[in-house]
Amino acid sequence: MNDQSFGDLSGLRAAVTGSSSGIGQAIAVEFARGGADLMVHCRRSTTEAEAVAESVRETGRQTHVITADFSDEKTLTDFVEEAWNRFDGIDIWVNNAGADLLTGPDSELDYSKKLQKLLDVDVKGTLLLSRLIGERMQKRGRGVILNIGWDQADRGMAGESGELFATAKNAIMGFTRSLAVSLAPQVRVNCIAPGWIQTAWGEQASEAWQERVRRETPLECWGTPENIAAAARFLVSPSASYITGQVINVNGGAVR
């Protein structure tokens, strides 16, 4: 198989939630490079989302920006409806949006409120959006859904953040496996579990954290959003047509 056809997304239409920055932004731009038209989503960072949309247009692909707050359940239904109608159908759906409990204002919330944020946005949002879009894809007879987990959710990490994110991401990872069975054979559903990825939090992490990343990762370095995007492009492409119900670690080889 030549490089042009491997991971080719030509003629497909994709929606990536939480795509105004970080991993979501990288996925959106990589999909556009692969030939897909893109639905860019943000909660309120419209300037950043428009910049991502411009990067998509530079590849020659079509794009739209939709703003939606996934903590509101009705918004989820409206969002799927709008995204589907804008492109007259969606072929690829990526659930990347999540609560920022590490660098944003929500980092100051107490444990219980942080948990509720994760349950509302990460878990409930992913589950309901997946079911809503999955029903449409299944009726049409084709489609791909990709969720985002966390590589340490299965094996555990000490501390408040470890407990909270393991709870939310394990739910998403388990849901992925079950939804893949529910929607087969028309719709494929997979999940990427990133490891230490240098997003906004990683860029400002202390030297102690930098050393921990090097120590715990066999490749001895941070991953990048582009590493996740490359894996995502493969998993949603026809090149991965026999892969469904899987949680794929993209983590530099970390196993403990």
C-alpha atoms as a PDB file:
ATOM      1  CA  MET A   1       0.000   0.000   0.000  1.00  0.00           C
ATOM      2  CA  ASN A   2       1.482   3.355  -0.976  1.00  0.00           C
ATOM      3  CA  ASP A   3       1.808   6.341   1.364  1.00  0.00           C
ATOM      4  CA  GLN A   4      -0.950   8.258  -0.393  1.00  0.00           C
ATOM      5  CA  SER A   5      -3.628   5.610   0.202  1.00  0.00           C
ATOM      6  CA  PHE A   6      -2.579   4.591   3.708  1.00  0.00           C
ATOM      7  CA  GLY A   7      -4.620   6.647   6.169  1.00  0.00           C
ATOM      8  CA  ASP A   8      -6.397   8.411   3.307  1.00  0.00           C
ATOM      9  CA  LEU A   9      -9.505  10.332   4.428  1.00  0.00           C
ATOM     10  CA  SER A  10     -10.383  11.875   1.072  1.00  0.00           C
ATOM     11  CA  GLY A  11     -14.063  12.688   0.670  1.00  0.00           C
ATOM     12  CA  LEU A  12     -14.893  12.006   4.319  1.00  0.00           C
ATOM     13  CA  ARG A  13     -16.475  14.434   6.781  1.00  0.00           C
ATOM     14  CA  ALA A  14     -15.250  14.541  10.367  1.00  0.00           C
ATOM     15  CA  ALA A  15     -16.252  16.233  13.614  1.00  0.00           C
ATOM     16  CA  VAL A  16     -13.716  16.651  16.418  1.00  0.00           C
ATOM     17  CA  THR A  17     -15.004  17.925  19.751  1.00  0.00           C
ATOM     18  CA  GLY A  18     -12.714  20.095  21.837  1.00  0.00           C
ATOM     19  CA  SER A  19     -10.623  20.930  18.781  1.00  0.00           C
ATOM     20  CA  SER A  20      -9.638  24.542  19.508  1.00  0.00           C
ATOM     21  CA  SER A  21      -6.316  23.534  21.101  1.00  0.00           C
ATOM     22  CA  GLY A  22      -4.065  20.681  22.168  1.00  0.00           C
ATOM     23  CA  ILE A  23      -4.797  17.135  21.045  1.00  0.00           C
ATOM     24  CA  GLY A  24      -8.119  18.065  19.436  1.00  0.00           C
ATOM     25  CA  GLN A  25      -6.507  20.768  17.337  1.00  0.00           C
ATOM     26  CA  ALA A  26      -3.773  18.393  16.177  1.00  0.00           C
ATOM     27  CA  ILE A  27      -6.346  15.744  15.240  1.00  0.00           C
ATOM     28  CA  ALA A  28      -8.459  18.213  13.271  1.00  0.00           C
ATOM     29  CA  VAL A  29      -5.507  19.506  11.247  1.00  0.00           C
ATOM     30  CA  GLU A  30      -4.156  15.994  10.635  1.00  0.00           C
ATOM     31  CA  PHE A  31      -7.541  14.810   9.376  1.00  0.00           C
ATOM     32  CA  ALA A  32      -7.661  17.775   6.997  1.00  0.00           C
ATOM     33  CA  ARG A  33      -4.210  16.850   5.705  1.00  0.00           C
ATOM     34  CA  GLY A  34      -5.599  13.377   5.094  1.00  0.00           C
ATOM     35  CA  GLY A  35      -8.371  14.820   2.935  1.00  0.00           C
ATOM     36  CA  ALA A  36     -11.324  15.168   5.334  1.00  0.00           C
ATOM     37  CA  ASP A  37     -13.643  18.132   5.722  1.00  0.00           C
ATOM     38  CA  LEU A  38     -13.807  19.221   9.368  1.00  0.00           C
ATOM     39  CA  MET A  39     -16.314  20.329  11.975  1.00  0.00           C
ATOM     40  CA  VAL A  40     -14.303  22.245  14.596  1.00  0.00           C
ATOM     41  CA  HIS A  41     -15.810  22.562  18.079  1.00  0.00           C
ATOM     42  CA  CYS A  42     -15.078  24.689  21.120  1.00  0.00           C
ATOM     43  CA  ARG A  43     -16.910  25.576  24.304  1.00  0.00           C
ATOM     44  CA  ARG A  44     -16.036  29.285  24.256  1.00  0.00           C
ATOM     45  CA  SER A  45     -12.555  29.696  22.689  1.00  0.00           C
ATOM     46  CA  THR A  46     -13.912  30.957  19.395  1.00  0.00           C
ATOM     47  CA  THR A  47     -10.764  32.870  18.390  1.00  0.00           C
ATOM     48  CA  GLU A  48      -8.650  29.741  18.784  1.00  0.00           C
ATOM     49  CA  ALA A  49     -11.260  27.610  17.019  1.00  0.00           C
ATOM     50  CA  GLU A  50     -11.359  29.991  14.052  1.00  0.00           C
ATOM     51  CA  ALA A  51      -7.569  29.766  13.840  1.00  0.00           C
ATOM     52  CA  VAL A  52      -7.832  25.975  13.639  1.00  0.00           C
ATOM     53  CA  ALA A  53     -10.505  26.329  10.960  1.00  0.00           C
ATOM     54  CA  GLU A  54      -8.166  28.557   8.971  1.00  0.00           C
ATOM     55  CA  SER A  55      -5.458  25.885   9.187  1.00  0.00           C
ATOM     56  CA  VAL A  56      -7.974  23.402   7.815  1.00  0.00           C
ATOM     57  CA  ARG A  57      -8.884  25.729   4.942  1.00  0.00           C
ATOM     58  CA  GLU A  58      -5.203  26.064   4.071  1.00  0.00           C
ATOM     59  CA  THR A  59      -5.209  22.346   3.230  1.00  0.00           C
ATOM     60  CA  GLY A  60      -8.049  22.945   0.774  1.00  0.00           C
ATOM     61  CA  ARG A  61     -10.715  21.324   2.924  1.00  0.00           C
ATOM     62  CA  GLN A  62     -14.094  22.715   3.996  1.00  0.00           C
ATOM     63  CA  THR A  63     -14.719  23.534   7.643  1.00  0.00           C
ATOM     64  CA  HIS A  64     -17.282  24.924  10.070  1.00  0.00           C
ATOM     65  CA  VAL A  65     -16.963  26.026  13.703  1.00  0.00           C
ATOM     66  CA  ILE A  66     -19.641  25.199  16.269  1.00  0.00           C
ATOM     67  CA  THR A  67     -19.659  26.488  19.845  1.00  0.00           C
ATOM     68  CA  ALA A  68     -21.338  24.262  22.453  1.00  0.00           C
ATOM     69  CA  ASP A  69     -21.145  23.632  26.197  1.00  0.00           C
ATOM     70  CA  PHE A  70     -21.440  19.889  26.772  1.00  0.00           C
ATOM     71  CA  SER A  71     -22.382  20.232  30.434  1.00  0.00           C
ATOM     72  CA  ASP A  72     -25.930  20.962  29.172  1.00  0.00           C
ATOM     73  CA  GLU A  73     -27.613  17.750  28.007  1.00  0.00           C
ATOM     74  CA  LYS A  74     -29.942  19.453  25.508  1.00  0.00           C
ATOM     75  CA  THR A  75     -26.905  21.049  23.895  1.00  0.00           C
ATOM     76  CA  LEU A  76     -25.609  17.584  22.986  1.00  0.00           C
ATOM     77  CA  THR A  77     -28.664  16.795  20.866  1.00  0.00           C
ATOM     78  CA  ASP A  78     -28.594  20.213  19.200  1.00  0.00           C
ATOM     79  CA  PHE A  79     -24.880  19.906  18.506  1.00  0.00           C
ATOM     80  CA  VAL A  80     -25.192  16.530  16.779  1.00  0.00           C
ATOM     81  CA  GLU A  81     -28.128  17.812  14.745  1.00  0.00           C
ATOM     82  CA  GLU A  82     -26.247  20.905  13.604  1.00  0.00           C
ATOM     83  CA  ALA A  83     -23.017  19.058  12.818  1.00  0.00           C
ATOM     84  CA  TRP A  84     -24.850  16.379  10.838  1.00  0.00           C
ATOM     85  CA  ASN A  85     -26.872  18.884   8.840  1.00  0.00           C
ATOM     86  CA  ARG A  86     -23.950  21.221   8.090  1.00  0.00           C
ATOM     87  CA  PHE A  87     -22.183  18.443   6.187  1.00  0.00           C
ATOM     88  CA  ASP A  88     -25.241  16.376   5.234  1.00  0.00           C
ATOM     89  CA  GLY A  89     -23.863  13.518   7.309  1.00  0.00           C
ATOM     90  CA  ILE A  90     -20.743  12.792   9.353  1.00  0.00           C
ATOM     91  CA  ASP A  91     -18.407   9.881   8.574  1.00  0.00           C
ATOM     92  CA  ILE A  92     -15.962  10.295  11.479  1.00  0.00           C
ATOM     93  CA  TRP A  93     -16.712  11.466  15.012  1.00  0.00           C
ATOM     94  CA  VAL A  94     -13.999  12.104  17.629  1.00  0.00           C
ATOM     95  CA  ASN A  95     -14.983  12.676  21.270  1.00  0.00           C
ATOM     96  CA  ASN A  96     -12.016  14.671  22.530  1.00  0.00           C
ATOM     97  CA  ALA A  97     -13.696  17.401  24.605  1.00  0.00           C
ATOM     98  CA  GLY A  98     -13.085  17.177  28.341  1.00  0.00           C
ATOM     99  CA  ALA A  99     -13.056  19.224  31.518  1.00  0.00           C
ATOM    100  CA  ASP A 100      -9.762  21.044  32.166  1.00  0.00           C
ATOM    101  CA  LEU A 101      -9.028  20.373  35.831  1.00  0.00           C
ATOM    102  CA  LEU A 102      -5.275  20.977  35.612  1.00  0.00           C
ATOM    103  CA  THR A 103      -4.693  24.433  34.108  1.00  0.00           C
ATOM    104  CA  GLY A 104      -8.034  26.267  34.047  1.00  0.00           C
ATOM    105  CA  PRO A 105     -10.217  27.861  36.739  1.00  0.00           C
ATOM    106  CA  ASP A 106     -11.722  24.467  37.542  1.00  0.00           C
ATOM    107  CA  SER A 107      -8.369  23.378  38.992  1.00  0.00           C
ATOM    108  CA  GLU A 108      -9.392  25.287  42.133  1.00  0.00           C
ATOM    109  CA  LEU A 109     -12.584  23.266  42.675  1.00  0.00           C
ATOM    110  CA  ASP A 110     -12.839  20.772  45.519  1.00  0.00           C
ATOM    111  CA  TYR A 111     -12.688  17.015  44.901  1.00  0.00           C
ATOM    112  CA  SER A 112     -16.441  16.475  44.687  1.00  0.00           C
ATOM    113  CA  LYS A 113     -16.994  19.296  42.194  1.00  0.00           C
ATOM    114  CA  LYS A 114     -14.081  18.151  40.037  1.00  0.00           C
ATOM    115  CA  LEU A 115     -15.596  14.670  39.959  1.00  0.00           C
ATOM    116  CA  GLN A 116     -18.954  16.082  38.890  1.00  0.00           C
ATOM    117  CA  LYS A 117     -17.300  18.086  36.091  1.00  0.00           C
ATOM    118  CA  LEU A 118     -15.625  14.960  34.745  1.00  0.00           C
ATOM    119  CA  LEU A 119     -18.801  12.924  34.985  1.00  0.00           C
ATOM    120  CA  ASP A 120     -20.843  15.621  33.225  1.00  0.00           C
ATOM    121  CA  VAL A 121     -18.448  16.578  30.437  1.00  0.00           C
ATOM    122  CA  ASP A 122     -16.057  13.683  29.849  1.00  0.00           C
ATOM    123  CA  VAL A 123     -18.238  10.694  30.694  1.00  0.00           C
ATOM    124  CA  LYS A 124     -21.821  11.774  30.052  1.00  0.00           C
ATOM    125  CA  GLY A 125     -20.825  13.912  27.096  1.00  0.00           C
ATOM    126  CA  THR A 126     -18.889  11.102  25.426  1.00  0.00           C
ATOM    127  CA  LEU A 127     -21.575   8.494  26.080  1.00  0.00           C
ATOM    128  CA  LEU A 128     -24.529  10.539  24.895  1.00  0.00           C
ATOM    129  CA  LEU A 129     -22.782  12.060  21.887  1.00  0.00           C
ATOM    130  CA  SER A 130     -21.572   8.620  20.825  1.00  0.00           C
ATOM    131  CA  ARG A 131     -25.055   7.146  21.064  1.00  0.00           C
ATOM    132  CA  LEU A 132     -26.649  10.062  19.220  1.00  0.00           C
ATOM    133  CA  ILE A 133     -24.185  10.051  16.348  1.00  0.00           C
ATOM    134  CA  GLY A 134     -23.898   6.260  16.400  1.00  0.00           C
ATOM    135  CA  GLU A 135     -27.626   5.824  15.776  1.00  0.00           C
ATOM    136  CA  ARG A 136     -27.419   8.082  12.726  1.00  0.00           C
ATOM    137  CA  MET A 137     -24.329   6.336  11.390  1.00  0.00           C
ATOM    138  CA  GLN A 138     -25.829   2.902  11.934  1.00  0.00           C
ATOM    139  CA  LYS A 139     -29.007   3.810  10.054  1.00  0.00           C
ATOM    140  CA  ARG A 140     -26.905   5.164   7.186  1.00  0.00           C
ATOM    141  CA  GLY A 141     -24.805   1.982   7.217  1.00  0.00           C
ATOM    142  CA  ARG A 142     -21.318   3.357   7.910  1.00  0.00           C
ATOM    143  CA  GLY A 143     -19.248   5.487  10.249  1.00  0.00           C
ATOM    144  CA  VAL A 144     -16.386   5.604  12.745  1.00  0.00           C
ATOM    145  CA  ILE A 145     -16.327   6.865  16.335  1.00  0.00           C
ATOM    146  CA  LEU A 146     -13.092   7.508  18.218  1.00  0.00           C
ATOM    147  CA  ASN A 147     -12.933   8.239  21.945  1.00  0.00           C
ATOM    148  CA  ILE A 148     -10.073   9.461  24.119  1.00  0.00           C
ATOM    149  CA  GLY A 149      -9.065   7.541  27.247  1.00  0.00           C
ATOM    150  CA  TRP A 150      -5.919   7.554  29.392  1.00  0.00           C
ATOM    151  CA  ASP A 151      -3.171   4.955  29.531  1.00  0.00           C
ATOM    152  CA  GLN A 152      -2.836   5.057  33.340  1.00  0.00           C
ATOM    153  CA  ALA A 153      -6.549   4.571  33.959  1.00  0.00           C
ATOM    154  CA  ASP A 154      -6.171   0.784  33.894  1.00  0.00           C
ATOM    155  CA  ARG A 155      -3.110   0.559  36.120  1.00  0.00           C
ATOM    156  CA  GLY A 156      -3.682   3.497  38.466  1.00  0.00           C
ATOM    157  CA  MET A 157      -1.846   6.651  39.521  1.00  0.00           C
ATOM    158  CA  ALA A 158      -1.678   7.996  43.066  1.00  0.00           C
ATOM    159  CA  GLY A 159      -3.180  11.344  44.009  1.00  0.00           C
ATOM    160  CA  GLU A 160      -6.350  13.300  43.462  1.00  0.00           C
ATOM    161  CA  SER A 161      -5.928  13.751  39.715  1.00  0.00           C
ATOM    162  CA  GLY A 162      -5.080  10.085  39.238  1.00  0.00           C
ATOM    163  CA  GLU A 163      -8.185   8.966  41.096  1.00  0.00           C
ATOM    164  CA  LEU A 164     -10.484  11.351  39.272  1.00  0.00           C
ATOM    165  CA  PHE A 165      -9.206  10.851  35.747  1.00  0.00           C
ATOM    166  CA  ALA A 166      -8.945   7.069  36.166  1.00  0.00           C
ATOM    167  CA  THR A 167     -12.616   6.991  37.150  1.00  0.00           C
ATOM    168  CA  ALA A 168     -13.732   9.021  34.140  1.00  0.00           C
ATOM    169  CA  LYS A 169     -11.445   7.512  31.534  1.00  0.00           C
ATOM    170  CA  ASN A 170     -12.027   3.908  32.591  1.00  0.00           C
ATOM    171  CA  ALA A 171     -15.728   4.560  32.082  1.00  0.00           C
ATOM    172  CA  ILE A 172     -15.055   5.840  28.562  1.00  0.00           C
ATOM    173  CA  MET A 173     -12.734   2.963  27.723  1.00  0.00           C
ATOM    174  CA  GLY A 174     -15.225   0.360  28.919  1.00  0.00           C
ATOM    175  CA  PHE A 175     -18.059   2.110  27.096  1.00  0.00           C
ATOM    176  CA  THR A 176     -16.013   2.071  23.883  1.00  0.00           C
ATOM    177  CA  ARG A 177     -15.720  -1.721  23.959  1.00  0.00           C
ATOM    178  CA  SER A 178     -19.453  -2.185  24.530  1.00  0.00           C
ATOM    179  CA  LEU A 179     -20.587   0.423  21.998  1.00  0.00           C
ATOM    180  CA  ALA A 180     -18.431  -1.231  19.355  1.00  0.00           C
ATOM    181  CA  VAL A 181     -20.449  -4.413  19.816  1.00  0.00           C
ATOM    182  CA  SER A 182     -23.761  -2.502  19.839  1.00  0.00           C
ATOM    183  CA  LEU A 183     -23.049  -0.666  16.579  1.00  0.00           C
ATOM    184  CA  ALA A 184     -21.281  -3.446  14.663  1.00  0.00           C
ATOM    185  CA  PRO A 185     -20.973  -4.165  11.841  1.00  0.00           C
ATOM    186  CA  GLN A 186     -21.952  -0.798  10.372  1.00  0.00           C
ATOM    187  CA  VAL A 187     -19.965   1.456  12.740  1.00  0.00           C
ATOM    188  CA  ARG A 188     -16.472   1.002  14.130  1.00  0.00           C
ATOM    189  CA  VAL A 189     -15.681   2.353  17.614  1.00  0.00           C
ATOM    190  CA  ASN A 190     -12.202   2.629  19.110  1.00  0.00           C
ATOM    191  CA  CYS A 191     -10.376   4.576  21.792  1.00  0.00           C
ATOM    192  CA  ILE A 192      -6.892   6.084  22.027  1.00  0.00           C
ATOM    193  CA  ALA A 193      -5.325   6.105  25.495  1.00  0.00           C
ATOM    194  CA  PRO A 194      -2.619   8.797  25.492  1.00  0.00           C
ATOM    195  CA  GLY A 195       0.324   8.652  27.849  1.00  0.00           C
ATOM    196  CA  TRP A 196       2.456  11.629  28.871  1.00  0.00           C
ATOM    197  CA  ILE A 197       1.508  14.133  26.173  1.00  0.00           C
ATOM    198  CA  GLN A 198       2.985  17.627  26.322  1.00  0.00           C
ATOM    199  CA  THR A 199      -0.116  19.776  26.179  1.00  0.00           C
ATOM    200  CA  ALA A 200      -0.579  23.004  28.170  1.00  0.00           C
ATOM    201  CA  TRP A 201      -0.035  21.325  31.550  1.00  0.00           C
ATOM    202  CA  GLY A 202       3.059  19.453  30.389  1.00  0.00           C
ATOM    203  CA  GLU A 203       4.661  22.604  29.040  1.00  0.00           C
ATOM    204  CA  GLN A 204       4.644  24.192  32.490  1.00  0.00           C
ATOM    205  CA  ALA A 205       5.287  21.062  34.558  1.00  0.00           C
ATOM    206  CA  SER A 206       8.092  21.182  37.117  1.00  0.00           C
ATOM    207  CA  GLU A 207      11.476  19.531  36.617  1.00  0.00           C
ATOM    208  CA  ALA A 208      10.356  16.766  38.974  1.00  0.00           C
ATOM    209  CA  TRP A 209       7.511  15.942  36.583  1.00  0.00           C
ATOM    210  CA  GLN A 210       9.829  16.186  33.586  1.00  0.00           C
ATOM    211  CA  GLU A 211      12.093  13.605  35.223  1.00  0.00           C
ATOM    212  CA  ARG A 212       9.143  11.381  36.053  1.00  0.00           C
ATOM    213  CA  VAL A 213       8.055  11.365  32.418  1.00  0.00           C
ATOM    214  CA  ARG A 214      11.548  10.368  31.293  1.00  0.00           C
ATOM    215  CA  ARG A 215      11.747   7.669  33.977  1.00  0.00           C
ATOM    216  CA  GLU A 216       8.339   6.119  33.291  1.00  0.00           C
ATOM    217  CA  THR A 217       8.477   6.226  29.475  1.00  0.00           C
ATOM    218  CA  PRO A 218      10.779   3.772  27.677  1.00  0.00           C
ATOM    219  CA  LEU A 219      11.228   6.278  24.839  1.00  0.00           C
ATOM    220  CA  GLU A 220      12.367   8.771  27.541  1.00  0.00           C
ATOM    221  CA  CYS A 221      10.430  11.767  26.287  1.00  0.00           C
ATOM    222  CA  TRP A 222       7.025  13.409  26.209  1.00  0.00           C
ATOM    223  CA  GLY A 223       4.643  12.539  23.433  1.00  0.00           C
ATOM    224  CA  THR A 224       3.136  15.329  21.349  1.00  0.00           C
ATOM    225  CA  PRO A 225      -0.434  16.054  20.251  1.00  0.00           C
ATOM    226  CA  GLU A 226       0.764  15.239  16.739  1.00  0.00           C
ATOM    227  CA  ASN A 227       1.669  11.701  17.881  1.00  0.00           C
ATOM    228  CA  ILE A 228      -1.927  11.204  18.990  1.00  0.00           C
ATOM    229  CA  ALA A 229      -3.255  12.779  15.788  1.00  0.00           C
ATOM    230  CA  ALA A 230      -1.253  10.405  13.589  1.00  0.00           C
ATOM    231  CA  ALA A 231      -2.661   7.385  15.425  1.00  0.00           C
ATOM    232  CA  ALA A 232      -6.154   8.858  15.243  1.00  0.00           C
ATOM    233  CA  ARG A 233      -5.921   9.375  11.493  1.00  0.00           C
ATOM    234  CA  PHE A 234      -4.990   5.732  11.005  1.00  0.00           C
ATOM    235  CA  LEU A 235      -7.730   4.403  13.301  1.00  0.00           C
ATOM    236  CA  VAL A 236     -10.542   6.338  11.605  1.00  0.00           C
ATOM    237  CA  SER A 237      -9.322   5.602   8.082  1.00  0.00           C
ATOM    238  CA  PRO A 238     -10.288   2.693   5.828  1.00  0.00           C
ATOM    239  CA  SER A 239      -6.770   1.362   6.482  1.00  0.00           C
ATOM    240  CA  ALA A 240      -8.014   0.275   9.938  1.00  0.00           C
ATOM    241  CA  SER A 241     -11.247  -1.280   8.645  1.00  0.00           C
ATOM    242  CA  TYR A 242     -10.764  -4.485  10.697  1.00  0.00           C
ATOM    243  CA  ILE A 243     -10.117  -2.721  14.018  1.00  0.00           C
ATOM    244  CA  THR A 244     -13.022  -2.038  16.372  1.00  0.00           C
ATOM    245  CA  GLY A 245     -13.687  -2.219  20.117  1.00  0.00           C
ATOM    246  CA  GLN A 246     -10.034  -1.558  20.932  1.00  0.00           C
ATOM    247  CA  VAL A 247      -8.258   0.762  23.362  1.00  0.00           C
ATOM    248  CA  ILE A 248      -4.905   1.668  21.804  1.00  0.00           C
ATOM    249  CA  ASN A 249      -2.154   3.037  24.054  1.00  0.00           C
ATOM    250  CA  VAL A 250      -0.074   5.805  22.492  1.00  0.00           C
ATOM    251  CA  ASN A 251       2.380   6.321  25.304  1.00  0.00           C
ATOM    252  CA  GLY A 252       5.980   5.714  24.344  1.00  0.00           C
ATOM    253  CA  GLY A 253       5.898   2.147  25.652  1.00  0.00           C
ATOM    254  CA  ALA A 254       4.960   2.853  29.292  1.00  0.00           C
ATOM    255  CA  VAL A 255       3.585  -0.225  31.054  1.00  0.00           C
ATOM    256  CA  ARG A 256       3.664   0.728  34.748  1.00  0.00           C
END
